[in-house]
Protein backbone atom coordinates (compact mmCIF):
# COMPACT_ATOMS: atom_id res chain seq x y z
CA MET A 1 92.94 93.07 110.41
CA THR A 2 95.67 91.38 108.39
CA ALA A 3 99.12 90.49 107.82
CA GLY A 4 101.51 88.10 109.96
CA VAL A 5 102.68 89.37 112.85
CA SER A 6 102.14 89.14 116.68
CA SER A 7 98.38 90.42 117.41
CA SER A 8 97.84 93.16 120.07
CA PRO A 9 94.63 95.00 120.90
CA PRO A 10 93.83 98.26 118.96
CA SER A 11 93.68 101.44 121.22
CA THR A 12 90.26 101.79 122.80
CA SER A 13 90.67 105.62 123.68
CA SER A 14 90.96 107.56 120.48
CA VAL A 15 91.87 107.58 116.80
CA SER A 16 95.40 108.37 116.17
CA SER A 17 95.21 112.07 116.00
CA ALA A 18 98.18 112.45 113.74
CA GLY A 19 96.61 111.15 110.78
CA GLU A 20 99.75 110.72 108.87
CA ILE A 21 99.85 110.72 105.01
CA VAL A 22 102.32 108.93 103.23
CA GLY A 23 101.69 108.65 99.62
CA ARG A 24 97.73 108.33 98.79
CA TYR A 25 97.09 106.69 102.26
CA ALA A 26 96.58 108.24 105.50
CA ILE A 27 97.81 105.92 108.63
CA PHE A 28 95.80 105.89 111.67
CA ASP A 29 95.77 103.20 114.57
CA GLU A 30 98.36 100.38 114.89
CA LEU A 31 96.62 96.96 114.63
CA ALA A 32 99.16 94.44 115.54
CA SER A 33 103.16 94.31 115.58
CA GLY A 34 105.70 91.69 115.10
CA GLY A 35 109.43 91.52 115.05
CA MET A 36 109.77 92.53 111.09
CA ALA A 37 106.59 95.17 110.76
CA THR A 38 103.91 96.88 112.25
CA VAL A 39 99.99 96.90 110.77
CA TYR A 40 98.25 99.93 110.80
CA ILE A 41 94.32 100.46 109.86
CA GLY A 42 94.56 102.94 106.88
CA ARG A 43 92.45 104.87 104.44
CA LEU A 44 93.04 105.53 100.67
CA VAL A 45 92.65 108.90 99.73
CA ALA A 46 91.72 109.99 96.63
CA ALA A 47 89.61 112.47 94.22
CA ALA A 48 85.59 112.61 93.79
CA GLY A 49 85.13 111.50 97.58
CA PHE A 50 86.30 108.17 96.90
CA SER A 51 88.03 106.38 99.84
CA ARG A 52 88.92 102.75 101.05
CA LEU A 53 89.50 101.12 104.43
CA VAL A 54 93.05 99.25 104.05
CA ALA A 55 95.46 97.74 106.13
CA ILE A 56 98.91 99.21 106.03
CA LYS A 57 101.80 96.95 107.03
CA ARG A 58 104.56 99.13 107.68
CA LEU A 59 108.45 97.66 107.54
CA HIS A 60 110.53 98.88 110.57
CA PRO A 61 112.67 102.01 109.92
CA ASN A 62 115.55 100.17 111.02
CA LEU A 63 115.09 97.35 109.07
CA ALA A 64 114.08 99.22 105.58
CA ARG A 65 117.51 100.11 105.25
CA ASP A 66 118.75 96.58 105.81
CA VAL A 67 118.98 95.09 102.06
CA GLU A 68 117.95 91.83 103.13
CA PHE A 69 114.85 92.67 104.78
CA ALA A 70 113.62 95.00 102.38
CA SER A 71 114.12 92.67 99.92
CA MET A 72 111.95 89.99 101.92
CA PHE A 73 109.45 92.60 102.34
CA ILE A 74 108.88 93.30 98.07
CA ASP A 75 109.07 89.52 97.63
CA GLU A 76 106.06 89.20 99.65
CA ALA A 77 104.31 91.92 97.65
CA ARG A 78 105.39 90.33 94.69
CA LEU A 79 104.15 86.85 95.64
CA ALA A 80 100.68 88.22 97.12
CA ALA A 81 100.10 89.77 93.70
CA ARG A 82 100.13 86.50 91.88
CA ILE A 83 97.82 84.55 94.20
CA ARG A 84 94.25 85.14 93.44
CA HIS A 85 92.02 83.77 95.97
CA PRO A 86 89.44 84.36 97.99
CA CYS A 87 91.12 82.65 100.96
CA VAL A 88 94.46 84.45 100.49
CA VAL A 89 94.35 88.40 101.22
CA PRO A 90 95.25 89.86 98.56
CA THR A 91 98.17 93.11 98.25
CA LEU A 92 96.59 96.19 96.68
CA ASP A 93 99.58 98.70 96.38
CA VAL A 94 103.18 98.93 97.25
CA VAL A 95 104.79 102.35 98.54
CA ALA A 96 108.18 103.21 98.69
CA ALA A 97 108.37 106.87 100.44
CA ASP A 98 110.80 108.67 102.85
CA ARG A 99 113.60 105.87 103.04
CA GLU A 100 110.85 103.35 104.04
CA ILE A 101 108.15 100.41 102.39
CA LEU A 102 104.60 100.31 103.29
CA LEU A 103 102.53 97.12 101.93
CA ILE A 104 98.86 98.23 101.05
CA MET A 105 96.06 94.96 101.88
CA GLU A 106 92.87 94.93 102.11
CA TYR A 107 91.28 95.19 105.69
CA VAL A 108 89.62 92.13 106.81
CA HIS A 109 87.48 92.64 109.54
CA GLY A 110 88.42 89.75 111.99
CA LEU A 111 90.69 88.14 114.27
CA SER A 112 93.68 85.49 113.92
CA LEU A 113 93.03 82.07 114.69
CA ALA A 114 95.29 82.31 116.93
CA GLN A 115 93.47 85.10 118.87
CA LEU A 116 90.13 83.26 118.39
CA LEU A 117 91.27 79.57 119.65
CA GLY A 118 92.83 81.54 122.30
CA ALA A 119 89.60 83.01 123.65
CA ALA A 120 87.60 80.27 122.74
CA GLN A 121 89.66 78.43 125.74
CA ARG A 122 89.49 81.02 128.11
CA LEU A 123 85.35 81.14 127.51
CA GLY A 124 84.98 77.03 127.12
CA LYS A 125 83.63 77.51 124.21
CA PRO A 126 86.02 75.56 121.42
CA PRO A 127 84.68 75.54 117.89
CA SER A 128 83.08 72.06 116.52
CA PRO A 129 84.69 69.57 114.40
CA ARG A 130 82.54 70.99 111.39
CA VAL A 131 83.69 74.61 112.20
CA VAL A 132 87.41 73.71 112.24
CA ALA A 133 87.24 71.59 108.69
CA SER A 134 85.03 74.72 107.30
CA ILE A 135 88.10 77.03 108.39
CA LEU A 136 91.05 74.32 106.95
CA VAL A 137 89.30 73.68 104.12
CA GLY A 138 89.09 77.23 103.45
CA VAL A 139 93.34 77.63 104.03
CA LEU A 140 94.08 74.73 102.08
CA GLU A 141 92.39 75.66 98.95
CA GLY A 142 94.11 79.18 99.60
CA LEU A 143 97.20 77.23 99.88
CA HIS A 144 96.74 75.46 96.76
CA ALA A 145 95.90 78.46 94.90
CA ALA A 146 99.33 79.72 95.91
CA HIS A 147 101.30 76.42 95.30
CA GLU A 148 99.54 76.82 91.74
CA ALA A 149 100.73 80.43 91.40
CA THR A 150 102.67 81.48 87.89
CA SER A 151 104.79 84.52 86.73
CA GLU A 152 103.98 86.85 84.08
CA SER A 153 104.91 84.49 81.90
CA GLY A 154 102.85 81.44 82.79
CA GLN A 155 105.87 79.94 84.47
CA PRO A 156 105.15 77.93 87.69
CA LEU A 157 106.49 79.83 90.52
CA GLY A 158 106.91 76.86 93.11
CA VAL A 159 105.81 78.85 96.03
CA VAL A 160 105.84 77.40 99.15
CA HIS A 161 104.53 79.44 102.21
CA ARG A 162 106.55 77.84 105.05
CA ASP A 163 104.97 79.77 107.76
CA VAL A 164 101.01 78.17 107.83
CA SER A 165 100.19 78.76 111.70
CA PRO A 166 97.33 80.08 113.58
CA GLN A 167 98.57 83.42 113.44
CA ASN A 168 98.92 83.85 109.97
CA ILE A 169 95.32 82.46 109.49
CA LEU A 170 92.60 85.19 109.22
CA VAL A 171 89.03 84.41 110.10
CA GLY A 172 86.65 87.10 109.20
CA ILE A 173 83.55 88.39 111.11
CA GLU A 174 81.21 86.74 108.14
CA GLY A 175 83.00 83.68 108.21
CA LEU A 176 85.46 83.33 105.49
CA PRO A 177 89.05 81.94 106.60
CA ARG A 178 91.93 83.68 104.70
CA LEU A 179 95.46 82.66 104.53
CA LEU A 180 98.35 86.02 104.84
CA ASP A 181 102.12 86.54 105.23
CA PHE A 182 104.05 85.31 102.23
CA GLY A 183 107.12 87.46 103.97
CA VAL A 184 109.49 84.01 104.32
CA ALA A 185 107.64 82.19 101.64
CA LYS A 186 110.12 80.11 99.31
CA ALA A 187 109.75 80.84 95.23
CA ILE A 188 111.55 80.74 92.09
CA GLY A 189 112.82 84.45 91.22
CA LYS A 190 112.44 85.94 94.51
CA LEU A 191 114.94 89.29 95.25
CA HIS A 192 116.19 87.24 98.38
CA ASP A 193 117.16 84.07 98.49
CA THR A 194 117.19 81.55 101.90
CA ARG A 195 121.05 80.99 103.21
CA ASP A 196 121.80 76.76 103.16
CA GLY A 197 120.77 75.38 106.29
CA GLN A 198 118.56 78.61 107.61
CA ILE A 199 115.30 77.62 108.92
CA LYS A 200 111.90 79.91 107.90
CA GLY A 201 109.06 79.93 109.80
CA LYS A 202 107.46 78.95 113.28
CA LEU A 203 109.12 75.98 115.04
CA ALA A 204 105.98 74.81 116.40
CA TYR A 205 104.76 74.38 112.97
CA LEU A 206 107.51 72.99 110.60
CA SER A 207 107.50 70.11 108.79
CA PRO A 208 110.35 67.28 109.48
CA GLU A 209 112.25 67.68 106.15
CA GLN A 210 111.95 71.94 107.12
CA ALA A 211 113.57 71.21 110.82
CA ARG A 212 116.04 69.06 109.29
CA GLY A 213 117.14 71.77 106.92
CA ALA A 214 116.40 69.58 103.49
CA GLU A 215 114.50 70.19 100.31
CA ILE A 216 110.98 71.30 100.72
CA GLY A 217 108.00 71.55 98.68
CA ARG A 218 104.19 72.18 98.65
CA LYS A 219 103.70 68.78 101.15
CA SER A 220 105.90 70.86 103.65
CA ASP A 221 102.89 73.14 103.77
CA VAL A 222 100.37 70.28 103.64
CA PHE A 223 102.38 69.30 107.10
CA ALA A 224 102.02 72.27 108.95
CA ALA A 225 98.43 73.09 107.96
CA SER A 226 97.61 69.38 109.76
CA VAL A 227 99.55 70.72 112.80
CA VAL A 228 96.96 73.47 113.19
CA LEU A 229 93.96 71.07 112.43
CA TRP A 230 95.08 68.73 114.88
CA GLU A 231 95.62 71.75 117.63
CA ALA A 232 92.30 73.41 116.51
CA LEU A 233 90.46 70.00 117.16
CA THR A 234 92.16 69.72 120.39
CA GLY A 235 92.65 72.66 121.91
CA ALA A 236 96.27 71.67 122.81
CA ARG A 237 99.80 72.12 121.82
CA LEU A 238 100.75 69.20 119.09
CA PHE A 239 104.79 69.82 119.36
CA ASP A 240 105.21 71.98 122.53
CA GLY A 241 108.76 71.59 124.03
CA ASN A 242 110.72 73.67 127.05
CA ASN A 243 113.41 75.07 123.98
CA ALA A 244 114.02 75.01 120.45
CA ALA A 245 116.23 72.28 120.45
CA ASP A 246 113.48 70.38 122.00
CA GLN A 247 110.65 71.21 119.63
CA VAL A 248 112.53 70.19 116.98
CA LEU A 249 113.53 66.73 118.56
CA ARG A 250 109.45 66.20 119.04
CA ILE A 251 108.75 67.19 115.48
CA LEU A 252 111.21 64.62 114.29
CA GLU A 253 110.62 61.95 117.05
CA ALA A 254 108.28 62.05 119.29
CA PRO A 255 104.89 59.76 118.69
CA ILE A 256 101.90 61.81 117.36
CA ASP A 257 98.28 61.10 119.06
CA PRO A 258 95.32 61.17 116.77
CA PRO A 259 93.18 63.83 117.78
CA SER A 260 90.36 61.55 119.00
CA LYS A 261 92.19 60.82 122.19
CA GLN A 262 92.63 64.61 123.02
CA ALA A 263 88.83 65.59 122.49
CA ARG A 264 85.51 63.85 122.23
CA GLY A 265 83.37 64.29 118.83
CA ILE A 266 86.00 63.35 116.52
CA SER A 267 85.21 60.41 113.86
CA ARG A 268 87.62 57.80 112.67
CA GLU A 269 87.39 59.13 109.69
CA LEU A 270 88.97 62.46 110.67
CA ASP A 271 91.59 61.19 112.49
CA ALA A 272 92.80 59.26 109.33
CA VAL A 273 93.09 62.57 107.27
CA VAL A 274 94.62 64.38 110.25
CA MET A 275 97.22 61.31 110.70
CA ARG A 276 97.69 61.45 106.84
CA GLY A 277 98.63 64.93 106.74
CA LEU A 278 100.83 64.55 109.73
CA SER A 279 102.89 61.64 108.26
CA ARG A 280 106.09 62.19 108.68
CA ASP A 281 107.32 60.15 105.57
CA GLN A 282 106.28 62.71 102.58
CA SER A 283 105.33 59.63 100.43
CA LEU A 284 102.10 59.31 102.58
CA ARG A 285 101.08 62.70 102.84
CA PHE A 286 98.51 64.01 100.65
CA SER A 287 100.19 65.43 97.27
CA SER A 288 98.31 68.65 97.52
CA ALA A 289 96.85 71.01 99.71
CA ALA A 290 93.22 70.64 97.29
CA GLU A 291 93.57 66.81 97.69
CA MET A 292 93.49 66.98 101.65
CA ALA A 293 90.58 69.70 101.65
CA SER A 294 88.83 67.50 99.57
CA ALA A 295 89.57 64.71 101.91
CA LEU A 296 88.91 66.55 105.19
CA GLU A 297 85.10 67.81 103.83
CA ALA A 298 84.50 64.36 103.02
CA ALA A 299 85.58 63.31 106.29
CA ALA A 300 83.90 65.94 108.47
CA GLY A 301 81.48 67.84 106.69
CA VAL A 302 81.93 71.66 106.45
CA ALA A 303 80.16 74.22 108.97
CA SER A 304 78.58 76.96 106.72
CA SER A 305 79.85 80.73 106.67
CA ARG A 306 77.41 81.55 108.78
CA GLU A 307 78.16 79.17 111.46
CA VAL A 308 81.39 79.51 111.50
CA ALA A 309 80.77 83.86 111.26
CA ALA A 310 78.62 82.68 114.73
CA TRP A 311 81.25 81.58 116.46
CA VAL A 312 83.57 83.88 115.75
CA LYS A 313 81.08 86.50 117.20
CA GLU A 314 80.56 84.09 120.19
CA VAL A 315 84.09 84.09 121.02
CA GLY A 316 85.90 87.39 119.59
CA GLY A 317 82.62 89.46 119.79
CA GLU A 318 84.03 92.14 122.46
CA THR A 319 87.13 92.81 120.29
CA LEU A 320 85.63 92.99 117.41
CA ALA A 321 83.14 95.48 118.69
CA THR A 322 86.11 97.53 120.55
CA ARG A 323 87.36 97.45 116.61
CA ALA A 324 84.34 98.32 114.87
CA ARG A 325 84.01 101.56 116.95
CA LEU A 326 87.60 102.65 116.17
CA VAL A 327 86.71 101.99 112.49
CA ALA A 328 83.64 103.93 112.53
CA GLU A 329 85.26 106.91 114.29
CA ILE A 330 87.94 106.71 111.21
CA GLU A 331 85.25 106.58 108.84
CA ARG A 332 83.25 109.56 109.93
CA ARG A 333 86.40 111.84 109.40
CA SER A 334 87.03 112.63 105.97
CA ILE A 335 90.13 113.91 104.33
CA ASP A 336 90.99 116.79 101.74
CA PRO A 337 92.61 115.14 99.03
CA ALA A 338 94.37 118.22 97.89
CA ARG A 339 95.53 118.82 101.25
CA ALA A 340 97.18 115.19 101.34
CA ALA A 341 98.73 115.98 97.90
CA ALA A 342 100.31 119.30 98.62
CA ALA A 343 101.67 117.21 102.14
CA ASN A 344 103.76 114.81 99.92
CA GLY A 345 104.43 117.72 97.69
CA ALA A 346 102.40 116.87 94.74
CA THR A 347 99.83 119.31 93.11
CA SER A 348 95.92 118.65 93.61
CA GLY A 349 95.45 118.47 89.83
CA GLY A 350 92.13 120.34 90.37
CA ASP A 351 90.65 117.73 92.31
CA ALA A 352 87.73 119.14 94.51
CA PRO A 353 87.93 118.71 98.01
CA LEU A 354 85.72 115.66 99.86
CA SER A 355 82.17 117.34 101.13
CA SER A 356 80.56 115.28 103.69
CA GLY A 357 79.59 117.89 105.69
CA ARG A 358 81.83 116.07 109.02
CA PRO A 359 84.72 117.25 110.90
CA SER A 360 88.06 116.75 109.27
CA LEU A 361 90.99 115.22 110.64
CA PRO A 362 92.84 117.22 113.40
CA GLY A 363 95.38 119.31 111.28
CA VAL A 364 93.18 119.53 108.42
CA PRO A 365 90.61 122.33 108.30
CA PRO A 366 87.00 121.59 107.50
CA THR A 367 85.23 122.05 103.85
CA PRO A 368 84.10 125.53 103.87
CA GLU A 369 80.78 124.21 102.47
CA ARG A 370 79.87 123.17 106.29
CA ALA A 371 81.53 123.71 109.13
CA PRO A 372 81.15 121.47 112.07
CA THR A 373 79.30 121.68 115.08
CA PRO A 374 80.34 120.72 118.32
CA SER A 375 78.12 117.79 118.58
CA SER A 376 79.26 116.38 115.09
CA ASP A 377 82.66 114.97 116.83
CA ARG A 378 80.84 113.03 119.05
CA VAL A 379 81.24 109.28 119.07
CA PRO A 380 77.76 108.01 118.98
CA GLY A 381 77.07 106.64 122.61
CA ASP A 382 79.03 109.62 124.21
CA ARG A 383 77.28 111.55 127.26
CA ASP A 384 77.08 115.16 127.37
CA ASP A 385 79.28 115.51 130.35
CA VAL A 386 82.34 113.84 128.78
CA PRO A 387 84.63 115.74 126.41
CA PRO A 388 84.95 115.00 122.61
CA LEU A 389 87.96 112.43 121.69
CA TRP A 390 88.81 114.39 119.34
CA PRO A 391 88.64 118.21 119.79
CA LEU A 392 89.04 120.49 116.58
CA PRO A 393 91.93 122.80 116.61
CA THR A 394 91.05 126.68 116.62
CA THR A 395 93.63 127.05 113.90
CA PRO A 396 94.38 125.34 110.91
CA ARG A 397 97.51 123.37 111.23
CA PRO A 398 100.01 122.18 108.52
CA VAL A 399 100.01 117.93 108.23
CA ALA A 400 103.38 117.16 108.68
CA ILE A 401 104.63 113.82 107.71
CA ALA A 402 107.20 111.76 110.19
CA LYS A 403 110.60 111.08 109.21
CA PRO A 404 111.47 107.78 110.18
CA PRO A 405 114.05 108.25 113.04
CA GLY A 406 117.65 106.42 112.80
CA PRO A 407 118.21 103.39 114.64
CA SER A 408 119.58 104.29 118.76
CA LEU A 409 122.32 102.87 120.04
CA SER A 410 120.51 100.35 121.86
CA GLU A 411 118.88 99.20 118.57
CA SER A 412 122.24 99.21 116.96
CA VAL A 413 123.77 97.11 119.94
CA GLY A 414 120.72 94.78 119.69
CA LEU A 415 121.01 94.40 115.50
CA LEU A 416 124.81 93.41 116.09
CA ILE A 417 123.86 91.10 118.97
CA GLU A 418 121.23 89.13 116.87
CA ARG A 419 123.28 88.70 113.98
CA LEU A 420 125.67 86.77 116.52
CA PRO A 421 125.56 82.43 116.65
CA GLU A 422 123.12 81.35 118.82
CA PRO A 423 125.81 80.38 121.61
CA LEU A 424 127.44 83.60 121.67
CA GLN A 425 124.02 85.36 121.69
CA LYS A 426 123.54 83.89 125.40
CA LEU A 427 126.94 84.59 126.56
CA HIS A 428 127.29 88.35 125.27
CA ARG A 429 126.89 90.16 128.80
CA PRO A 430 129.62 87.96 130.05
CA LEU A 431 131.92 88.32 126.92
CA GLY A 432 130.72 92.11 127.31
CA LEU A 433 132.69 92.00 131.10
CA VAL A 434 135.84 90.37 129.34
CA LEU A 435 136.32 92.25 126.76
CA ALA A 436 136.27 95.20 129.40
CA GLY A 437 138.88 93.81 131.54
CA ILE A 438 140.84 93.10 128.51
CA VAL A 439 140.92 96.64 127.34
CA ILE A 440 141.31 98.35 131.24
CA SER A 441 144.09 95.66 131.38
CA VAL A 442 145.60 96.63 128.11
CA VAL A 443 145.32 100.70 128.31
CA SER A 444 146.71 100.50 132.23
CA SER A 445 149.48 98.21 131.05
CA LEU A 446 150.46 101.00 128.33
CA ILE A 447 150.13 103.55 130.43
CA SER A 448 152.26 102.51 133.27
CA SER A 449 154.99 101.86 130.32
CA TYR A 450 155.23 105.64 130.06
CA THR A 451 155.09 106.87 133.57
CA THR A 452 155.99 105.34 137.06
CA THR A 453 153.41 107.46 138.61
CA TRP A 454 150.28 105.95 137.30
CA PRO A 455 148.42 103.61 139.71
CA VAL A 456 147.73 100.06 139.36
CA ARG A 457 143.88 99.71 140.61
CA PRO A 458 142.77 99.95 136.66
CA SER A 459 145.03 96.94 136.45
CA TRP A 460 143.31 95.04 139.04
CA LEU A 461 140.12 96.33 137.89
CA GLY A 462 140.59 94.97 134.92
CA GLY A 463 141.83 91.53 135.99
CA ALA A 464 138.85 91.45 137.75
CA LEU A 465 136.34 91.97 135.39
CA LEU A 466 138.31 89.21 133.19
CA LEU A 467 137.52 86.82 136.13
CA VAL A 468 133.90 87.87 136.99
CA GLY A 469 133.53 87.82 133.20
CA ALA A 470 134.77 84.23 132.87
CA ALA A 471 133.33 82.46 135.81
CA TRP A 472 129.84 84.23 134.68
CA GLY A 473 130.32 82.79 131.37
CA LEU A 474 131.45 79.11 132.54
CA VAL A 475 127.56 79.31 134.61
CA VAL A 476 125.75 80.40 131.75
CA TRP A 477 127.66 77.43 129.22
CA VAL A 478 127.19 74.97 131.95
CA ARG A 479 123.72 75.53 132.74
CA ASP A 480 122.42 75.51 129.29
CA GLU A 481 124.24 72.30 128.65
């Protein structure tokens, strides 16, 4: 899995039967979803039997029409393409088709650090300090590569990730950590610029200067990585709060205990590394992510990739096994590239269809060389009395490309509310009653001025709505204060 969105477990019933094709890629089951995009398992469809499993990050259709969000999405692809490091998830391609945007990224069979730490806490199997150090050393080295990235002309890009968090750290089943999601990163030459005073990133991992809305640099990412390190070592939240204001206050002023006060087996040397990274005074922090990686490696030692992989399998093995079955089912199906090209209005160019001797995706007939048999449509382990997950169609059907629907009325209202200032967002329902009362009262008064037979009840209703809305708004305001 990849991309910086909140994770959700994949479907365990069957692979998506649609197999929607966009450009050169077939889109299958959803891996994770967030407020900005959804990540799917996908597959590159190419000639001569070439295929590759990928992760496809798809901007939500209603956001794809927003210039600001679309620019952020393109910026993420451009920045990731300039960062070359094994510990950064690479972006392979960008597809703009049918008024939507897709980022094609390397598929990583693994779980986010947030998922792994959550599972470890539930199972009572926390990672050892050496495993935590190994993961964070990789993340810090990937961060340093991002900070040092340059443009095509060799000019420094000044990249600052701004959202280093357990959700944006992916640990593969082979034990290699990878940093992802540069959607809110700061860099020179971006299409989208952050407005003055606008905070980007998850509150619990903001640096003090970020929380204040001040100028930030690579040391802000060092602070965020140190928060992740503290939490991974202790299994607790560092800057937890009842609300956003409380969290920001804790980031700026709350005392920070060394991790050894929260968990056993942490050396003084490791404490010192963590506390230096968490210094609120930027001049006392590590000067770079690479410097902190070296200090962390010297203080704690690092586990081998085999040790990290063993911990990943121990706490996330069940989820990964479910995903592996899903991936295996996808890879058992082959896609005819000529039909994929035809579905996108392109010519096949004489490419020969794939010939694997296995059934095609639903909606795509099997290759003529070898017709599928009923047994070939089963997943290993199926019982004879269980019907196949993918019944093959009796007649071929054309592959339809789904058109992204326009935003519904509720989505439009939701987007309008999100653009309101935060205090007004909490009062949108009382304000709606007040507005309705005003409208009813005005309309009733206008009609009453032209006719004497118009009942006065609407004006009473308008007044009642005004009073109820005002009282409700006052209660909400007093409660929040």
